[in-house]
Amino acid sequence: MTDNTHQNAGSRKPVRKAALQELAKFERKENEFRRKDRAERAADLRLPLDQIQVH
């Protein structure tokens, strides 16, 4: 059974790499969405977003 596990490990690498790339892509989109949303809410509330340090 361990031999079969080691054989499948090699075929999982491309799948894992693709999944990590998709996750990174999603995180970039999510961060951009949050940045835009924060700016829109600040504009609605007339907050000086440039002066506020957002972590």
PDB file of N, CA and C in Angstrom:
ATOM      1  N   MET A   1       0.819  -1.191   0.000  1.00  0.00           N
ATOM      2  CA  MET A   1       0.000   0.000   0.000  1.00  0.00           C
ATOM      3  C   MET A   1       0.866   1.260   0.000  1.00  0.00           C
ATOM      4  N   THR A   2       1.987   1.232   0.687  1.00  0.00           N
ATOM      5  CA  THR A   2       2.848   2.410   0.695  1.00  0.00           C
ATOM      6  C   THR A   2       3.451   2.670  -0.678  1.00  0.00           C
ATOM      7  N   ASP A   3       3.690   1.625  -1.474  1.00  0.00           N
ATOM      8  CA  ASP A   3       4.211   1.829  -2.819  1.00  0.00           C
ATOM      9  C   ASP A   3       3.221   2.604  -3.671  1.00  0.00           C
ATOM     10  N   ASN A   4       1.959   2.276  -3.554  1.00  0.00           N
ATOM     11  CA  ASN A   4       0.919   2.963  -4.294  1.00  0.00           C
ATOM     12  C   ASN A   4       0.835   4.434  -3.872  1.00  0.00           C
ATOM     13  N   THR A   5       0.999   4.695  -2.596  1.00  0.00           N
ATOM     14  CA  THR A   5       0.960   6.065  -2.085  1.00  0.00           C
ATOM     15  C   THR A   5       2.085   6.895  -2.679  1.00  0.00           C
ATOM     16  N   HIS A   6       3.271   6.326  -2.763  1.00  0.00           N
ATOM     17  CA  HIS A   6       4.400   7.057  -3.314  1.00  0.00           C
ATOM     18  C   HIS A   6       4.236   7.296  -4.812  1.00  0.00           C
ATOM     19  N   GLN A   7       3.621   6.386  -5.514  1.00  0.00           N
ATOM     20  CA  GLN A   7       3.390   6.568  -6.943  1.00  0.00           C
ATOM     21  C   GLN A   7       2.386   7.688  -7.185  1.00  0.00           C
ATOM     22  N   ASN A   8       1.377   7.792  -6.354  1.00  0.00           N
ATOM     23  CA  ASN A   8       0.362   8.832  -6.522  1.00  0.00           C
ATOM     24  C   ASN A   8       0.873  10.201  -6.106  1.00  0.00           C
ATOM     25  N   ALA A   9       1.881  10.262  -5.276  1.00  0.00           N
ATOM     26  CA  ALA A   9       2.401  11.542  -4.801  1.00  0.00           C
ATOM     27  C   ALA A   9       2.927  12.377  -5.964  1.00  0.00           C
ATOM     28  N   GLY A  10       3.563  11.743  -6.917  1.00  0.00           N
ATOM     29  CA  GLY A  10       4.082  12.473  -8.064  1.00  0.00           C
ATOM     30  C   GLY A  10       2.988  13.061  -8.927  1.00  0.00           C
ATOM     31  N   SER A  11       1.887  12.367  -9.058  1.00  0.00           N
ATOM     32  CA  SER A  11       0.789  12.871  -9.891  1.00  0.00           C
ATOM     33  C   SER A  11      -0.009  13.961  -9.179  1.00  0.00           C
ATOM     34  N   ARG A  12       0.176  14.107  -7.890  1.00  0.00           N
ATOM     35  CA  ARG A  12      -0.554  15.138  -7.135  1.00  0.00           C
ATOM     36  C   ARG A  12       0.117  16.506  -7.236  1.00  0.00           C
ATOM     37  N   LYS A  13       1.386  16.532  -7.552  1.00  0.00           N
ATOM     38  CA  LYS A  13       2.105  17.811  -7.574  1.00  0.00           C
ATOM     39  C   LYS A  13       1.498  18.822  -8.544  1.00  0.00           C
ATOM     40  N   PRO A  14       1.187  18.434  -9.780  1.00  0.00           N
ATOM     41  CA  PRO A  14       0.568  19.425 -10.679  1.00  0.00           C
ATOM     42  C   PRO A  14      -0.794  19.906 -10.177  1.00  0.00           C
ATOM     43  N   VAL A  15      -1.545  19.011  -9.572  1.00  0.00           N
ATOM     44  CA  VAL A  15      -2.857  19.383  -9.044  1.00  0.00           C
ATOM     45  C   VAL A  15      -2.680  20.353  -7.882  1.00  0.00           C
ATOM     46  N   ARG A  16      -1.728  20.062  -7.024  1.00  0.00           N
ATOM     47  CA  ARG A  16      -1.458  20.943  -5.869  1.00  0.00           C
ATOM     48  C   ARG A  16      -0.989  22.313  -6.347  1.00  0.00           C
ATOM     49  N   LYS A  17      -0.116  22.317  -7.348  1.00  0.00           N
ATOM     50  CA  LYS A  17       0.393  23.583  -7.881  1.00  0.00           C
ATOM     51  C   LYS A  17      -0.748  24.413  -8.475  1.00  0.00           C
ATOM     52  N   ALA A  18      -1.625  23.756  -9.227  1.00  0.00           N
ATOM     53  CA  ALA A  18      -2.763  24.453  -9.817  1.00  0.00           C
ATOM     54  C   ALA A  18      -3.691  24.993  -8.736  1.00  0.00           C
ATOM     55  N   ALA A  19      -3.914  24.202  -7.692  1.00  0.00           N
ATOM     56  CA  ALA A  19      -4.780  24.654  -6.594  1.00  0.00           C
ATOM     57  C   ALA A  19      -4.176  25.868  -5.889  1.00  0.00           C
ATOM     58  N   LEU A  20      -2.870  25.843  -5.667  1.00  0.00           N
ATOM     59  CA  LEU A  20      -2.213  26.979  -5.013  1.00  0.00           C
ATOM     60  C   LEU A  20      -2.270  28.228  -5.890  1.00  0.00           C
ATOM     61  N   GLN A  21      -2.143  28.047  -7.205  1.00  0.00           N
ATOM     62  CA  GLN A  21      -2.248  29.186  -8.109  1.00  0.00           C
ATOM     63  C   GLN A  21      -3.652  29.782  -8.089  1.00  0.00           C
ATOM     64  N   GLU A  22      -4.656  28.908  -8.078  1.00  0.00           N
ATOM     65  CA  GLU A  22      -6.039  29.388  -8.010  1.00  0.00           C
ATOM     66  C   GLU A  22      -6.304  30.106  -6.689  1.00  0.00           C
ATOM     67  N   LEU A  23      -5.762  29.590  -5.612  1.00  0.00           N
ATOM     68  CA  LEU A  23      -5.930  30.230  -4.308  1.00  0.00           C
ATOM     69  C   LEU A  23      -5.280  31.609  -4.301  1.00  0.00           C
ATOM     70  N   ALA A  24      -4.093  31.715  -4.852  1.00  0.00           N
ATOM     71  CA  ALA A  24      -3.404  33.010  -4.922  1.00  0.00           C
ATOM     72  C   ALA A  24      -4.208  33.997  -5.771  1.00  0.00           C
ATOM     73  N   LYS A  25      -4.755  33.516  -6.879  1.00  0.00           N
ATOM     74  CA  LYS A  25      -5.577  34.357  -7.752  1.00  0.00           C
ATOM     75  C   LYS A  25      -6.813  34.854  -7.005  1.00  0.00           C
ATOM     76  N   PHE A  26      -7.461  33.945  -6.282  1.00  0.00           N
ATOM     77  CA  PHE A  26      -8.640  34.312  -5.495  1.00  0.00           C
ATOM     78  C   PHE A  26      -8.278  35.349  -4.432  1.00  0.00           C
ATOM     79  N   GLU A  27      -7.150  35.146  -3.751  1.00  0.00           N
ATOM     80  CA  GLU A  27      -6.745  36.075  -2.692  1.00  0.00           C
ATOM     81  C   GLU A  27      -6.466  37.460  -3.260  1.00  0.00           C
ATOM     82  N   ARG A  28      -5.849  37.530  -4.440  1.00  0.00           N
ATOM     83  CA  ARG A  28      -5.610  38.839  -5.057  1.00  0.00           C
ATOM     84  C   ARG A  28      -6.931  39.532  -5.382  1.00  0.00           C
ATOM     85  N   LYS A  29      -7.879  38.785  -5.937  1.00  0.00           N
ATOM     86  CA  LYS A  29      -9.182  39.369  -6.264  1.00  0.00           C
ATOM     87  C   LYS A  29      -9.906  39.818  -4.996  1.00  0.00           C
ATOM     88  N   GLU A  30      -9.844  38.993  -3.958  1.00  0.00           N
ATOM     89  CA  GLU A  30     -10.498  39.326  -2.691  1.00  0.00           C
ATOM     90  C   GLU A  30      -9.881  40.590  -2.078  1.00  0.00           C
ATOM     91  N   ASN A  31      -8.569  40.695  -2.101  1.00  0.00           N
ATOM     92  CA  ASN A  31      -7.898  41.881  -1.557  1.00  0.00           C
ATOM     93  C   ASN A  31      -8.284  43.134  -2.342  1.00  0.00           C
ATOM     94  N   GLU A  32      -8.341  43.014  -3.666  1.00  0.00           N
ATOM     95  CA  GLU A  32      -8.731  44.159  -4.489  1.00  0.00           C
ATOM     96  C   GLU A  32     -10.178  44.550  -4.194  1.00  0.00           C
ATOM     97  N   PHE A  33     -11.054  43.570  -4.059  1.00  0.00           N
ATOM     98  CA  PHE A  33     -12.456  43.853  -3.726  1.00  0.00           C
ATOM     99  C   PHE A  33     -12.557  44.579  -2.389  1.00  0.00           C
ATOM    100  N   ARG A  34     -11.839  44.092  -1.392  1.00  0.00           N
ATOM    101  CA  ARG A  34     -11.884  44.734  -0.071  1.00  0.00           C
ATOM    102  C   ARG A  34     -11.346  46.160  -0.121  1.00  0.00           C
ATOM    103  N   ARG A  35     -10.281  46.357  -0.895  1.00  0.00           N
ATOM    104  CA  ARG A  35      -9.707  47.697  -1.023  1.00  0.00           C
ATOM    105  C   ARG A  35     -10.729  48.654  -1.643  1.00  0.00           C
ATOM    106  N   LYS A  36     -11.396  48.218  -2.715  1.00  0.00           N
ATOM    107  CA  LYS A  36     -12.406  49.056  -3.366  1.00  0.00           C
ATOM    108  C   LYS A  36     -13.597  49.295  -2.451  1.00  0.00           C
ATOM    109  N   ASP A  37     -14.037  48.245  -1.775  1.00  0.00           N
ATOM    110  CA  ASP A  37     -15.175  48.370  -0.870  1.00  0.00           C
ATOM    111  C   ASP A  37     -14.877  49.354   0.251  1.00  0.00           C
ATOM    112  N   ARG A  38     -13.675  49.261   0.807  1.00  0.00           N
ATOM    113  CA  ARG A  38     -13.270  50.164   1.891  1.00  0.00           C
ATOM    114  C   ARG A  38     -13.256  51.606   1.392  1.00  0.00           C
ATOM    115  N   ALA A  39     -12.749  51.816   0.186  1.00  0.00           N
ATOM    116  CA  ALA A  39     -12.699  53.172  -0.372  1.00  0.00           C
ATOM    117  C   ALA A  39     -14.109  53.709  -0.625  1.00  0.00           C
ATOM    118  N   GLU A  40     -14.998  52.843  -1.131  1.00  0.00           N
ATOM    119  CA  GLU A  40     -16.376  53.278  -1.374  1.00  0.00           C
ATOM    120  C   GLU A  40     -17.090  53.631  -0.078  1.00  0.00           C
ATOM    121  N   ARG A  41     -16.916  52.812   0.942  1.00  0.00           N
ATOM    122  CA  ARG A  41     -17.557  53.104   2.235  1.00  0.00           C
ATOM    123  C   ARG A  41     -16.991  54.377   2.841  1.00  0.00           C
ATOM    124  N   ALA A  42     -15.696  54.596   2.697  1.00  0.00           N
ATOM    125  CA  ALA A  42     -15.082  55.815   3.223  1.00  0.00           C
ATOM    126  C   ALA A  42     -15.623  57.036   2.488  1.00  0.00           C
ATOM    127  N   ALA A  43     -15.811  56.897   1.184  1.00  0.00           N
ATOM    128  CA  ALA A  43     -16.364  58.012   0.410  1.00  0.00           C
ATOM    129  C   ALA A  43     -17.799  58.300   0.841  1.00  0.00           C
ATOM    130  N   ASP A  44     -18.581  57.242   1.065  1.00  0.00           N
ATOM    131  CA  ASP A  44     -19.963  57.435   1.517  1.00  0.00           C
ATOM    132  C   ASP A  44     -20.015  58.126   2.873  1.00  0.00           C
ATOM    133  N   LEU A  45     -19.084  57.798   3.740  1.00  0.00           N
ATOM    134  CA  LEU A  45     -19.052  58.389   5.078  1.00  0.00           C
ATOM    135  C   LEU A  45     -18.214  59.659   5.127  1.00  0.00           C
ATOM    136  N   ARG A  46     -17.623  59.992   3.985  1.00  0.00           N
ATOM    137  CA  ARG A  46     -16.752  61.173   3.862  1.00  0.00           C
ATOM    138  C   ARG A  46     -15.589  61.122   4.846  1.00  0.00           C
ATOM    139  N   LEU A  47     -14.981  59.966   4.912  1.00  0.00           N
ATOM    140  CA  LEU A  47     -13.805  59.786   5.765  1.00  0.00           C
ATOM    141  C   LEU A  47     -12.534  60.007   4.960  1.00  0.00           C
ATOM    142  N   PRO A  48     -11.548  60.644   5.560  1.00  0.00           N
ATOM    143  CA  PRO A  48     -10.258  60.827   4.874  1.00  0.00           C
ATOM    144  C   PRO A  48      -9.438  59.523   4.937  1.00  0.00           C
ATOM    145  N   LEU A  49      -9.655  58.630   3.992  1.00  0.00           N
ATOM    146  CA  LEU A  49      -9.033  57.321   4.013  1.00  0.00           C
ATOM    147  C   LEU A  49      -7.511  57.404   3.925  1.00  0.00           C
ATOM    148  N   ASP A  50      -6.999  58.415   3.234  1.00  0.00           N
ATOM    149  CA  ASP A  50      -5.536  58.551   3.110  1.00  0.00           C
ATOM    150  C   ASP A  50      -4.875  58.796   4.442  1.00  0.00           C
ATOM    151  N   GLN A  51      -5.557  59.448   5.351  1.00  0.00           N
ATOM    152  CA  GLN A  51      -4.972  59.771   6.640  1.00  0.00           C
ATOM    153  C   GLN A  51      -5.109  58.624   7.657  1.00  0.00           C
ATOM    154  N   ILE A  52      -5.998  57.697   7.399  1.00  0.00           N
ATOM    155  CA  ILE A  52      -6.205  56.575   8.305  1.00  0.00           C
ATOM    156  C   ILE A  52      -5.252  55.459   7.934  1.00  0.00           C
ATOM    157  N   GLN A  53      -4.520  54.946   8.904  1.00  0.00           N
ATOM    158  CA  GLN A  53      -3.611  53.841   8.657  1.00  0.00           C
ATOM    159  C   GLN A  53      -4.378  52.540   8.771  1.00  0.00           C
ATOM    160  N   VAL A  54      -4.577  51.870   7.640  1.00  0.00           N
ATOM    161  CA  VAL A  54      -5.298  50.607   7.596  1.00  0.00           C
ATOM    162  C   VAL A  54      -4.257  49.501   7.527  1.00  0.00           C
ATOM    163  N   HIS A  55      -4.352  48.536   8.416  1.00  0.00           N
ATOM    164  CA  HIS A  55      -3.362  47.454   8.455  1.00  0.00           C
ATOM    165  C   HIS A  55      -3.811  46.334   7.599  1.00  0.00           C
TER     166      HIS A  55
END
